[in-house]
Amino acid sequence: MLPETPAGRRREGAAFIRDHLINVTDKVFDDFAGAQVNPHQINTLLGIR
């Protein structure tokens, strides 16, 4: 049930947002662009000789 007052709705909304925020990680998981390129491995994966 929603609170009756705007202040009550703000409090409930703030609590909802706080409880559902996803923490940001300090780990890099998408830095594949800086990786070394191995043409032989790429060709093998693609089935090219």
N, C-alpha and C. Protein backbone atom coordinates (compact mmCIF):
# COMPACT_ATOMS: atom_id res chain seq x y z
N MET A 1 0.84 -1.18 0.00
CA MET A 1 0.00 0.00 0.00
C MET A 1 0.89 1.24 0.00
N LEU A 2 0.58 2.19 -0.86
CA LEU A 2 1.37 3.41 -0.96
C LEU A 2 1.09 4.35 0.20
N PRO A 3 2.10 5.07 0.65
CA PRO A 3 1.88 6.08 1.68
C PRO A 3 0.93 7.16 1.16
N GLU A 4 0.23 7.82 2.06
CA GLU A 4 -0.78 8.80 1.68
C GLU A 4 -0.19 10.13 1.24
N THR A 5 0.97 10.50 1.75
CA THR A 5 1.51 11.84 1.50
C THR A 5 2.66 11.78 0.49
N PRO A 6 2.93 12.91 -0.18
CA PRO A 6 4.08 12.96 -1.09
C PRO A 6 5.39 12.65 -0.37
N ALA A 7 5.53 13.12 0.87
CA ALA A 7 6.76 12.85 1.63
C ALA A 7 6.91 11.36 1.89
N GLY A 8 5.81 10.69 2.19
CA GLY A 8 5.84 9.25 2.41
C GLY A 8 6.20 8.49 1.14
N ARG A 9 5.67 8.97 0.01
CA ARG A 9 6.00 8.33 -1.28
C ARG A 9 7.47 8.53 -1.61
N ARG A 10 8.00 9.73 -1.30
CA ARG A 10 9.43 9.98 -1.55
C ARG A 10 10.29 9.05 -0.70
N ARG A 11 9.93 8.90 0.57
CA ARG A 11 10.70 8.01 1.46
C ARG A 11 10.68 6.58 0.94
N GLU A 12 9.50 6.12 0.55
CA GLU A 12 9.39 4.75 0.05
C GLU A 12 10.16 4.58 -1.26
N GLY A 13 10.08 5.58 -2.14
CA GLY A 13 10.82 5.53 -3.41
C GLY A 13 12.32 5.53 -3.19
N ALA A 14 12.79 6.36 -2.26
CA ALA A 14 14.23 6.42 -1.97
C ALA A 14 14.72 5.08 -1.42
N ALA A 15 13.93 4.48 -0.55
CA ALA A 15 14.32 3.17 0.01
C ALA A 15 14.36 2.11 -1.09
N PHE A 16 13.40 2.15 -2.00
CA PHE A 16 13.36 1.17 -3.11
C PHE A 16 14.61 1.31 -3.97
N ILE A 17 14.95 2.55 -4.33
CA ILE A 17 16.13 2.78 -5.16
C ILE A 17 17.39 2.32 -4.44
N ARG A 18 17.54 2.69 -3.17
CA ARG A 18 18.71 2.29 -2.39
C ARG A 18 18.85 0.76 -2.34
N ASP A 19 17.74 0.07 -2.16
CA ASP A 19 17.77 -1.39 -2.02
C ASP A 19 18.01 -2.12 -3.34
N HIS A 20 17.80 -1.43 -4.48
CA HIS A 20 17.91 -2.11 -5.77
C HIS A 20 19.07 -1.62 -6.63
N LEU A 21 19.90 -0.73 -6.11
CA LEU A 21 21.05 -0.28 -6.87
C LEU A 21 22.06 -1.41 -7.03
N ILE A 22 22.70 -1.47 -8.18
CA ILE A 22 23.74 -2.47 -8.44
C ILE A 22 25.09 -1.78 -8.29
N ASN A 23 25.94 -2.33 -7.45
CA ASN A 23 27.25 -1.75 -7.22
C ASN A 23 28.13 -1.88 -8.46
N VAL A 24 28.92 -0.85 -8.70
CA VAL A 24 29.84 -0.85 -9.83
C VAL A 24 31.09 -1.63 -9.44
N THR A 25 31.60 -2.44 -10.36
CA THR A 25 32.81 -3.22 -10.09
C THR A 25 34.05 -2.44 -10.51
N ASP A 26 35.18 -2.70 -9.86
CA ASP A 26 36.43 -2.08 -10.30
C ASP A 26 37.20 -3.01 -11.21
N LYS A 27 36.65 -4.16 -11.53
CA LYS A 27 37.32 -5.11 -12.42
C LYS A 27 36.92 -4.85 -13.87
N VAL A 28 37.92 -4.91 -14.74
CA VAL A 28 37.66 -4.74 -16.17
C VAL A 28 37.31 -6.10 -16.75
N PHE A 29 36.17 -6.19 -17.43
CA PHE A 29 35.77 -7.48 -17.99
C PHE A 29 35.56 -7.40 -19.49
N ASP A 30 35.75 -6.23 -20.08
CA ASP A 30 35.51 -6.11 -21.52
C ASP A 30 36.71 -5.47 -22.24
N ASP A 31 37.91 -5.68 -21.72
CA ASP A 31 39.08 -5.09 -22.34
C ASP A 31 39.72 -6.05 -23.34
N PHE A 32 38.90 -6.60 -24.21
CA PHE A 32 39.41 -7.53 -25.21
C PHE A 32 40.08 -6.81 -26.37
N ALA A 33 39.81 -5.53 -26.54
CA ALA A 33 40.38 -4.78 -27.65
C ALA A 33 41.89 -4.60 -27.49
N GLY A 34 42.39 -4.64 -26.27
CA GLY A 34 43.81 -4.47 -26.04
C GLY A 34 44.59 -5.78 -26.04
N ALA A 35 43.92 -6.87 -26.33
CA ALA A 35 44.56 -8.19 -26.29
C ALA A 35 45.43 -8.42 -27.52
N GLN A 36 46.37 -9.34 -27.39
CA GLN A 36 47.22 -9.73 -28.51
C GLN A 36 46.38 -10.49 -29.55
N VAL A 37 46.72 -10.30 -30.81
CA VAL A 37 46.01 -10.98 -31.89
C VAL A 37 46.85 -12.18 -32.33
N ASN A 38 46.21 -13.35 -32.39
CA ASN A 38 46.88 -14.56 -32.84
C ASN A 38 46.13 -15.04 -34.09
N PRO A 39 46.63 -14.68 -35.28
CA PRO A 39 45.93 -15.03 -36.52
C PRO A 39 45.67 -16.53 -36.67
N HIS A 40 46.62 -17.37 -36.23
CA HIS A 40 46.44 -18.82 -36.34
C HIS A 40 45.24 -19.27 -35.50
N GLN A 41 45.14 -18.76 -34.28
CA GLN A 41 44.02 -19.13 -33.41
C GLN A 41 42.69 -18.65 -34.00
N ILE A 42 42.68 -17.45 -34.53
CA ILE A 42 41.45 -16.92 -35.14
C ILE A 42 41.03 -17.77 -36.32
N ASN A 43 41.99 -18.10 -37.19
CA ASN A 43 41.67 -18.93 -38.35
C ASN A 43 41.18 -20.31 -37.94
N THR A 44 41.77 -20.87 -36.89
CA THR A 44 41.33 -22.18 -36.39
C THR A 44 39.90 -22.10 -35.89
N LEU A 45 39.59 -21.07 -35.13
CA LEU A 45 38.23 -20.90 -34.62
C LEU A 45 37.21 -20.74 -35.74
N LEU A 46 37.62 -20.08 -36.82
CA LEU A 46 36.72 -19.85 -37.96
C LEU A 46 36.72 -21.01 -38.95
N GLY A 47 37.58 -21.99 -38.72
CA GLY A 47 37.64 -23.13 -39.63
C GLY A 47 38.39 -22.83 -40.92
N ILE A 48 39.26 -21.83 -40.88
CA ILE A 48 40.06 -21.45 -42.05
C ILE A 48 41.46 -22.02 -41.86
N ARG A 49 42.02 -22.59 -42.94
CA ARG A 49 43.36 -23.18 -42.82
C ARG A 49 44.42 -22.17 -42.99
